[in-house]
Amino acid sequence: MAKGILIDHVFKVFGDSPEQALELVRQGFSKKEILAQTGQSIGVFYGPKYAGVDPANGDALYYEADGFSIRTSAAYRDAYLTAVPATNAYPVQDAEGTNETLFVDLSASYNFNDNLTVSFEALNLTDEFNDQFIDTTANREVAYTHTGRQIFLGARYKF
């Protein structure tokens, strides 16, 4: 079972009577309705269906509301072994493996209407390299590949 964090009921109220605005939040009023009734502005309004950590994969922090969606994810992997003993020069080289990595990605989209959606995606924001080694003591480089940061901007129109 995936573990996750859910951001629920986090608010910042701008105004002189935050208690009055928070009571309306508890009753289910929208930000617009609260502003109209109290003059208080809700600066942050997260609810369980709008923000949190995606329980499907447990690692994507996201926010979705009013046609706007943004999410970020991080994938960390500690160094790990891929062959024991090493395929070449055993026993001089004891094992083969891959060094640790941390990949961070971001995606965002906005639905202007039912037909037009604009999207932005940034992959490998940490600019990680894939670093494979042989021999755990000497950490000799075997493969060192690099895709770099990748940025994509797109638009989708439905006819």
Foldseek 3Di string as FASTA:
>chain_A
DADWWFDAPDWDKPDDDVVQLVVVVVVPDDQVVSCVVPVIGTPDDDHRVAWIADRVHHFKTWGDDDQKIKIKGKDKDAKDFDDAQPPPDPPVWGTKTWHIDIKMKMKMKGDPDPFKMKIKIKTRPVQDWTFIAIHPVVRHTDDTGGPGIDIDIDMGGDD
